Structures are given as C-alpha cells and as structure tokens.
Amino acid sequence: MVVDNKGIISYIRVLKEDLMIFRIKPSEGNVPDFKAGQFVTIGLHVPSEGKIVRRAYSIASPPEQKNVFELVVRWVKKPVPGRLTTELFNRRELDEVLWVKPTGAFTIDDKKHDGTPDNRRMVLIGGGTGLAPFISYALHLKATNSKREIVILHGASEGNDLARQTRSDECSALPKILSARMKAELFRGVERGIQGGSILVSVDGGSDRGFV
C-alpha cells in the first residue's frame, strides 16, 4: 500500500528549459532516513487525468541532509512528454506535492564484509541526470569523513548539458564543498557525436554546505 506524505517545493532552479533542480521539504517532520543512491517517489494531481500520478526520482542530496530532498530533473518531451514531469515543471515554489518514503538498491556500503572501512576507489558511470545519485554518494562520504576517491565518467548528448552538470559553479546540486579538491576535465568524442567528461573527487577536506 502506497503511503503518501505531504511536502512543498521549497526551491526551484532553472538550469535550462528542460532541466531543473527541485528541493522538496516535508510538511511535517524531517526527511526520513535513507541511503545514498536511493530514490523518492513524487506524486502530483494531474487535472487532465483526474488522478494522482507518481514517478520516482533519484535523490541528489545526502542522507545527512534532513531538511529537504534535492532532485535534478530533466523534462523529456519526445516521443511523448512525461506525465508527471510535465506537471512538475509547471509548478512553482511553495506548491504542494506528495512523496513516498525513499527506497532502492543502488546504494554503497561504508564497510567491507569483514567489518573494516571500505576505502577502495569507486568508478561511477552515468549519463544526463544519472549523475544525481553520484552526488549523493560524494556528499555522504564527505559527511562521514571517508577517505575514498570517486571517479565519475559522465556523458551527455549535448556539450551544454555536460558542462552544466559537471561544473560545480553551474549546478547547485553538485558538491561545492569538494570544489577545491575536484579536477574536472571535459573531452569531446568524435564517434557518434558523443561527449563526455570525468571528475576525480577526493572527499576529505573542505567546508560544509547547507540547504534552504
């Protein structure tokens, strides 16, 4: 049985026409416990259908952030516009939304099977807004004082999309607390017009970053 919780959109940032950052604040209490890499299901009433439509979105904020969920959402228009995302992009700050407790298995373990800390380097590959759970990983590891390194291989169909999602000064969802230790190198592929980038992140050091 789906248990809906009420929340409000506390923040919206437009990166481009079809790419936005949303922060969802629970109307009562704090963000429940979840693991970095999990997703939250958002629900909205769609007037044209006369019912609540729900869709899952990866969480970009870390589990330690208890005020809001942060989401990086792309509005896919072809071949058919997404039903829930279309409605979400028409909403404004302070509008009400429904959300379901986070879940999902795309998580990381802080310890090995023998109970010792897992400090092995992680290599993460994603495209487009698939970067969101990796951001959650990085911020979580920072909050837990982990010494692990993260190598992110990020691809996008257009260079503008890649730049917007890999440069910390372009996207508030990226971990600005890591910017002093981040090396970002973009490269342009010639085969099939694919473009990509890589980021080497060391999560030790830096100052805290807050959400509103």
C-alpha atoms as a PDB file:
ATOM      1  CA  MET A   1       0.000   0.000   0.000  1.00  0.00           C
ATOM      2  CA  VAL A   2       1.346   3.421  -1.000  1.00  0.00           C
ATOM      3  CA  VAL A   3       1.589   5.837   1.911  1.00  0.00           C
ATOM      4  CA  ASP A   4       1.695   9.428   0.664  1.00  0.00           C
ATOM      5  CA  ASN A   5       3.324  12.204   2.676  1.00  0.00           C
ATOM      6  CA  LYS A   6       2.787  15.898   2.052  1.00  0.00           C
ATOM      7  CA  GLY A   7       5.554  18.309   1.165  1.00  0.00           C
ATOM      8  CA  ILE A   8       6.199  21.631  -0.541  1.00  0.00           C
ATOM      9  CA  ILE A   9       8.570  22.713  -3.279  1.00  0.00           C
ATOM     10  CA  SER A  10      10.894  24.959  -1.279  1.00  0.00           C
ATOM     11  CA  TYR A  11      13.307  25.813  -4.100  1.00  0.00           C
ATOM     12  CA  ILE A  12      13.454  25.706  -7.897  1.00  0.00           C
ATOM     13  CA  ARG A  13      16.446  26.491 -10.076  1.00  0.00           C
ATOM     14  CA  VAL A  14      16.139  26.514 -13.850  1.00  0.00           C
ATOM     15  CA  LEU A  15      19.350  25.300 -15.483  1.00  0.00           C
ATOM     16  CA  LYS A  16      17.762  25.295 -18.928  1.00  0.00           C
ATOM     17  CA  GLU A  17      14.296  24.895 -20.418  1.00  0.00           C
ATOM     18  CA  ASP A  18      14.195  21.153 -19.830  1.00  0.00           C
ATOM     19  CA  LEU A  19      16.498  20.803 -16.804  1.00  0.00           C
ATOM     20  CA  MET A  20      15.716  21.966 -13.273  1.00  0.00           C
ATOM     21  CA  ILE A  21      16.709  21.475  -9.661  1.00  0.00           C
ATOM     22  CA  PHE A  22      13.898  20.983  -7.137  1.00  0.00           C
ATOM     23  CA  ARG A  23      14.052  20.847  -3.367  1.00  0.00           C
ATOM     24  CA  ILE A  24      11.153  19.113  -1.650  1.00  0.00           C
ATOM     25  CA  LYS A  25      10.575  19.913   2.023  1.00  0.00           C
ATOM     26  CA  PRO A  26       8.361  17.596   4.118  1.00  0.00           C
ATOM     27  CA  SER A  27       5.341  19.423   5.510  1.00  0.00           C
ATOM     28  CA  GLU A  28       5.730  17.596   8.821  1.00  0.00           C
ATOM     29  CA  GLY A  29       8.943  16.442  10.435  1.00  0.00           C
ATOM     30  CA  ASN A  30      12.271  15.830   8.730  1.00  0.00           C
ATOM     31  CA  VAL A  31      13.438  13.840   5.748  1.00  0.00           C
ATOM     32  CA  PRO A  32      13.333  10.168   6.821  1.00  0.00           C
ATOM     33  CA  ASP A  33      16.435   8.017   6.961  1.00  0.00           C
ATOM     34  CA  PHE A  34      17.588   6.715   3.583  1.00  0.00           C
ATOM     35  CA  LYS A  35      20.770   5.526   1.876  1.00  0.00           C
ATOM     36  CA  ALA A  36      22.785   7.496  -0.668  1.00  0.00           C
ATOM     37  CA  GLY A  37      21.764   6.330  -4.130  1.00  0.00           C
ATOM     38  CA  GLN A  38      18.104   5.713  -3.332  1.00  0.00           C
ATOM     39  CA  PHE A  39      15.106   7.402  -4.971  1.00  0.00           C
ATOM     40  CA  VAL A  40      11.984   9.158  -3.747  1.00  0.00           C
ATOM     41  CA  THR A  41       8.587   8.823  -5.425  1.00  0.00           C
ATOM     42  CA  ILE A  42       6.842  12.146  -6.097  1.00  0.00           C
ATOM     43  CA  GLY A  43       3.101  12.402  -6.680  1.00  0.00           C
ATOM     44  CA  LEU A  44       1.001  15.186  -8.197  1.00  0.00           C
ATOM     45  CA  HIS A  45      -2.618  15.512  -9.199  1.00  0.00           C
ATOM     46  CA  VAL A  46      -2.828  15.673 -12.990  1.00  0.00           C
ATOM     47  CA  PRO A  47      -6.048  17.528 -13.919  1.00  0.00           C
ATOM     48  CA  SER A  48      -6.241  16.077 -17.434  1.00  0.00           C
ATOM     49  CA  GLU A  49      -6.321  12.571 -15.973  1.00  0.00           C
ATOM     50  CA  GLY A  50      -8.288  13.355 -12.834  1.00  0.00           C
ATOM     51  CA  LYS A  51      -5.940  11.345 -10.597  1.00  0.00           C
ATOM     52  CA  ILE A  52      -2.636  11.300  -8.752  1.00  0.00           C
ATOM     53  CA  VAL A  53       0.328  10.324 -10.933  1.00  0.00           C
ATOM     54  CA  ARG A  54       3.555   9.164  -9.271  1.00  0.00           C
ATOM     55  CA  ARG A  55       7.105   8.890 -10.581  1.00  0.00           C
ATOM     56  CA  ALA A  56      10.450   8.013  -8.959  1.00  0.00           C
ATOM     57  CA  TYR A  57      13.402  10.443  -8.988  1.00  0.00           C
ATOM     58  CA  SER A  58      16.955   9.801  -7.751  1.00  0.00           C
ATOM     59  CA  ILE A  59      17.908  11.876  -4.727  1.00  0.00           C
ATOM     60  CA  ALA A  60      20.924  14.163  -5.195  1.00  0.00           C
ATOM     61  CA  SER A  61      21.170  15.301  -1.572  1.00  0.00           C
ATOM     62  CA  PRO A  62      22.899  13.137   1.082  1.00  0.00           C
ATOM     63  CA  PRO A  63      21.148  11.184   3.866  1.00  0.00           C
ATOM     64  CA  GLU A  64      22.635  13.576   6.408  1.00  0.00           C
ATOM     65  CA  GLN A  65      20.590  16.463   4.946  1.00  0.00           C
ATOM     66  CA  LYS A  66      17.340  16.338   6.920  1.00  0.00           C
ATOM     67  CA  ASN A  67      15.527  19.478   5.727  1.00  0.00           C
ATOM     68  CA  VAL A  68      14.877  18.702   2.053  1.00  0.00           C
ATOM     69  CA  PHE A  69      15.254  16.200  -0.756  1.00  0.00           C
ATOM     70  CA  GLU A  70      17.182  17.693  -3.690  1.00  0.00           C
ATOM     71  CA  LEU A  71      16.329  16.422  -7.179  1.00  0.00           C
ATOM     72  CA  VAL A  72      17.846  17.107 -10.613  1.00  0.00           C
ATOM     73  CA  VAL A  73      15.052  16.570 -13.137  1.00  0.00           C
ATOM     74  CA  ARG A  74      15.018  16.546 -16.919  1.00  0.00           C
ATOM     75  CA  TRP A  75      11.782  17.105 -18.837  1.00  0.00           C
ATOM     76  CA  VAL A  76      11.765  14.515 -21.598  1.00  0.00           C
ATOM     77  CA  LYS A  77       9.442  15.686 -24.390  1.00  0.00           C
ATOM     78  CA  LYS A  78       9.965  13.029 -27.077  1.00  0.00           C
ATOM     79  CA  PRO A  79       8.391  10.796 -28.181  1.00  0.00           C
ATOM     80  CA  VAL A  80       5.742  11.723 -25.582  1.00  0.00           C
ATOM     81  CA  PRO A  81       6.172  14.281 -22.745  1.00  0.00           C
ATOM     82  CA  GLY A  82       6.437  12.692 -19.305  1.00  0.00           C
ATOM     83  CA  ARG A  83       3.123  12.941 -17.498  1.00  0.00           C
ATOM     84  CA  LEU A  84       4.411  13.702 -14.011  1.00  0.00           C
ATOM     85  CA  THR A  85       7.488  15.688 -15.064  1.00  0.00           C
ATOM     86  CA  THR A  86       5.378  17.940 -17.309  1.00  0.00           C
ATOM     87  CA  GLU A  87       3.158  18.744 -14.336  1.00  0.00           C
ATOM     88  CA  LEU A  88       6.172  19.248 -12.057  1.00  0.00           C
ATOM     89  CA  PHE A  89       7.780  21.741 -14.452  1.00  0.00           C
ATOM     90  CA  ASN A  90       4.577  23.818 -14.315  1.00  0.00           C
ATOM     91  CA  ARG A  91       4.676  24.056 -10.519  1.00  0.00           C
ATOM     92  CA  ARG A  92       6.142  26.929  -8.519  1.00  0.00           C
ATOM     93  CA  GLU A  93       7.901  27.342  -5.193  1.00  0.00           C
ATOM     94  CA  LEU A  94       5.632  26.650  -2.178  1.00  0.00           C
ATOM     95  CA  ASP A  95       3.298  24.458  -4.261  1.00  0.00           C
ATOM     96  CA  GLU A  96       2.317  21.217  -2.545  1.00  0.00           C
ATOM     97  CA  VAL A  97       3.485  17.780  -3.670  1.00  0.00           C
ATOM     98  CA  LEU A  98       3.144  14.245  -2.362  1.00  0.00           C
ATOM     99  CA  TRP A  99       6.109  11.986  -1.669  1.00  0.00           C
ATOM    100  CA  VAL A 100       6.653   8.378  -0.681  1.00  0.00           C
ATOM    101  CA  LYS A 101       9.458   7.208   1.631  1.00  0.00           C
ATOM    102  CA  PRO A 102      12.748   6.666  -0.247  1.00  0.00           C
ATOM    103  CA  THR A 103      13.762   3.194  -1.326  1.00  0.00           C
ATOM    104  CA  GLY A 104      16.025   1.481  -3.868  1.00  0.00           C
ATOM    105  CA  ALA A 105      19.018  -0.855  -4.036  1.00  0.00           C
ATOM    106  CA  PHE A 106      21.519   1.402  -5.896  1.00  0.00           C
ATOM    107  CA  THR A 107      23.480   2.085  -2.720  1.00  0.00           C
ATOM    108  CA  ILE A 108      27.048   1.803  -1.433  1.00  0.00           C
ATOM    109  CA  ASP A 109      28.440   0.101   1.654  1.00  0.00           C
ATOM    110  CA  ASP A 110      30.683   2.007   4.035  1.00  0.00           C
ATOM    111  CA  LYS A 111      32.290  -1.212   5.257  1.00  0.00           C
ATOM    112  CA  LYS A 112      33.599  -4.427   3.735  1.00  0.00           C
ATOM    113  CA  HIS A 113      32.213  -7.857   4.603  1.00  0.00           C
ATOM    114  CA  ASP A 114      34.794  -8.236   7.363  1.00  0.00           C
ATOM    115  CA  GLY A 115      33.622  -5.008   9.016  1.00  0.00           C
ATOM    116  CA  THR A 116      36.642  -2.880   8.117  1.00  0.00           C
ATOM    117  CA  PRO A 117      36.136   0.524   6.410  1.00  0.00           C
ATOM    118  CA  ASP A 118      35.836   0.319   2.642  1.00  0.00           C
ATOM    119  CA  ASN A 119      38.294   2.880   1.257  1.00  0.00           C
ATOM    120  CA  ARG A 120      38.505   1.476  -2.257  1.00  0.00           C
ATOM    121  CA  ARG A 121      38.242   3.965  -5.135  1.00  0.00           C
ATOM    122  CA  MET A 122      34.827   3.991  -6.819  1.00  0.00           C
ATOM    123  CA  VAL A 123      34.414   4.365 -10.590  1.00  0.00           C
ATOM    124  CA  LEU A 124      30.902   5.584 -11.436  1.00  0.00           C
ATOM    125  CA  ILE A 125      29.462   5.817 -14.955  1.00  0.00           C
ATOM    126  CA  GLY A 126      26.307   7.772 -15.783  1.00  0.00           C
ATOM    127  CA  GLY A 127      24.629   9.944 -18.382  1.00  0.00           C
ATOM    128  CA  GLY A 128      22.456  13.041 -18.179  1.00  0.00           C
ATOM    129  CA  THR A 129      20.660  13.373 -14.844  1.00  0.00           C
ATOM    130  CA  GLY A 130      22.036   9.946 -13.933  1.00  0.00           C
ATOM    131  CA  LEU A 131      24.664  11.985 -12.093  1.00  0.00           C
ATOM    132  CA  ALA A 132      22.213  12.613  -9.200  1.00  0.00           C
ATOM    133  CA  PRO A 133      22.908   9.507  -7.059  1.00  0.00           C
ATOM    134  CA  PHE A 134      26.656  10.028  -7.503  1.00  0.00           C
ATOM    135  CA  ILE A 135      26.296  13.489  -5.982  1.00  0.00           C
ATOM    136  CA  SER A 136      24.514  11.916  -3.032  1.00  0.00           C
ATOM    137  CA  TYR A 137      27.366   9.402  -2.675  1.00  0.00           C
ATOM    138  CA  ALA A 138      30.011  12.150  -2.643  1.00  0.00           C
ATOM    139  CA  LEU A 139      28.213  14.313  -0.098  1.00  0.00           C
ATOM    140  CA  HIS A 140      27.530  11.301   2.119  1.00  0.00           C
ATOM    141  CA  LEU A 141      31.173  10.235   2.072  1.00  0.00           C
ATOM    142  CA  LYS A 142      32.189  13.799   2.912  1.00  0.00           C
ATOM    143  CA  ALA A 143      29.772  13.873   5.864  1.00  0.00           C
ATOM    144  CA  THR A 144      31.159  10.581   7.204  1.00  0.00           C
ATOM    145  CA  ASN A 145      34.798  11.696   6.817  1.00  0.00           C
ATOM    146  CA  SER A 146      35.538   8.932   4.333  1.00  0.00           C
ATOM    147  CA  LYS A 147      38.883   8.954   2.514  1.00  0.00           C
ATOM    148  CA  ARG A 148      37.521   7.236  -0.591  1.00  0.00           C
ATOM    149  CA  GLU A 149      38.064   8.687  -4.045  1.00  0.00           C
ATOM    150  CA  ILE A 150      35.307   8.801  -6.633  1.00  0.00           C
ATOM    151  CA  VAL A 151      35.955   8.798 -10.375  1.00  0.00           C
ATOM    152  CA  ILE A 152      32.852   9.902 -12.274  1.00  0.00           C
ATOM    153  CA  LEU A 153      32.526   9.253 -16.011  1.00  0.00           C
ATOM    154  CA  HIS A 154      29.635  11.388 -17.189  1.00  0.00           C
ATOM    155  CA  GLY A 155      28.232  11.557 -20.703  1.00  0.00           C
ATOM    156  CA  ALA A 156      25.613  13.716 -22.387  1.00  0.00           C
ATOM    157  CA  SER A 157      24.180  14.016 -25.887  1.00  0.00           C
ATOM    158  CA  GLU A 158      24.996  17.739 -25.995  1.00  0.00           C
ATOM    159  CA  GLY A 159      28.054  19.602 -24.769  1.00  0.00           C
ATOM    160  CA  ASN A 160      25.978  22.217 -22.979  1.00  0.00           C
ATOM    161  CA  ASP A 161      24.274  19.538 -20.902  1.00  0.00           C
ATOM    162  CA  LEU A 162      27.616  18.040 -19.941  1.00  0.00           C
ATOM    163  CA  ALA A 163      29.121  21.354 -18.891  1.00  0.00           C
ATOM    164  CA  ARG A 164      26.079  22.305 -16.835  1.00  0.00           C
ATOM    165  CA  GLN A 165      26.102  19.077 -14.899  1.00  0.00           C
ATOM    166  CA  THR A 166      29.821  18.637 -14.286  1.00  0.00           C
ATOM    167  CA  ARG A 167      30.945  22.138 -13.282  1.00  0.00           C
ATOM    168  CA  SER A 168      30.271  22.982  -9.655  1.00  0.00           C
ATOM    169  CA  ASP A 169      29.728  26.657 -10.454  1.00  0.00           C
ATOM    170  CA  GLU A 170      26.870  25.800 -12.850  1.00  0.00           C
ATOM    171  CA  CYS A 171      24.737  23.485 -10.722  1.00  0.00           C
ATOM    172  CA  SER A 172      23.894  23.929  -7.046  1.00  0.00           C
ATOM    173  CA  ALA A 173      23.270  20.187  -6.719  1.00  0.00           C
ATOM    174  CA  LEU A 174      26.975  19.477  -7.280  1.00  0.00           C
ATOM    175  CA  PRO A 175      29.088  19.258  -4.136  1.00  0.00           C
ATOM    176  CA  LYS A 176      30.629  22.707  -3.884  1.00  0.00           C
ATOM    177  CA  ILE A 177      32.287  21.601  -0.655  1.00  0.00           C
ATOM    178  CA  LEU A 178      34.538  19.457  -2.829  1.00  0.00           C
ATOM    179  CA  SER A 179      35.390  22.057  -5.460  1.00  0.00           C
ATOM    180  CA  ALA A 180      38.849  22.771  -4.064  1.00  0.00           C
ATOM    181  CA  ARG A 181      39.747  19.089  -4.433  1.00  0.00           C
ATOM    182  CA  MET A 182      37.958  18.449  -7.710  1.00  0.00           C
ATOM    183  CA  LYS A 183      39.693  18.018 -11.040  1.00  0.00           C
ATOM    184  CA  ALA A 184      37.272  18.178 -13.948  1.00  0.00           C
ATOM    185  CA  GLU A 185      38.387  17.512 -17.479  1.00  0.00           C
ATOM    186  CA  LEU A 186      35.942  17.575 -20.372  1.00  0.00           C
ATOM    187  CA  PHE A 187      36.615  15.816 -23.615  1.00  0.00           C
ATOM    188  CA  ARG A 188      34.765  15.760 -26.915  1.00  0.00           C
ATOM    189  CA  GLY A 189      34.297  12.494 -28.724  1.00  0.00           C
ATOM    190  CA  VAL A 190      34.128  12.314 -32.490  1.00  0.00           C
ATOM    191  CA  GLU A 191      32.456   8.931 -32.797  1.00  0.00           C
ATOM    192  CA  ARG A 192      28.637   9.223 -32.931  1.00  0.00           C
ATOM    193  CA  GLY A 193      28.851  12.784 -31.633  1.00  0.00           C
ATOM    194  CA  ILE A 194      29.124  11.548 -28.044  1.00  0.00           C
ATOM    195  CA  GLN A 195      30.517  13.913 -25.462  1.00  0.00           C
ATOM    196  CA  GLY A 196      31.727  13.041 -22.005  1.00  0.00           C
ATOM    197  CA  GLY A 197      33.713  14.110 -19.012  1.00  0.00           C
ATOM    198  CA  SER A 198      35.471  12.801 -15.955  1.00  0.00           C
ATOM    199  CA  ILE A 199      35.747  14.085 -12.423  1.00  0.00           C
ATOM    200  CA  LEU A 200      38.200  12.862  -9.802  1.00  0.00           C
ATOM    201  CA  VAL A 201      36.861  13.673  -6.374  1.00  0.00           C
ATOM    202  CA  SER A 202      38.630  13.301  -3.041  1.00  0.00           C
ATOM    203  CA  VAL A 203      36.107  13.727  -0.253  1.00  0.00           C
ATOM    204  CA  ASP A 204      38.394  14.781   2.578  1.00  0.00           C
ATOM    205  CA  GLY A 205      38.750  18.451   3.457  1.00  0.00           C
ATOM    206  CA  GLY A 206      36.579  21.450   2.643  1.00  0.00           C
ATOM    207  CA  SER A 207      33.829  23.281   4.474  1.00  0.00           C
ATOM    208  CA  ASP A 208      30.194  22.357   4.983  1.00  0.00           C
ATOM    209  CA  ARG A 209      27.463  23.243   2.516  1.00  0.00           C
ATOM    210  CA  GLY A 210      23.906  23.928   3.563  1.00  0.00           C
ATOM    211  CA  PHE A 211      20.443  23.683   2.000  1.00  0.00           C
ATOM    212  CA  VAL A 212      17.478  26.005   2.402  1.00  0.00           C
END
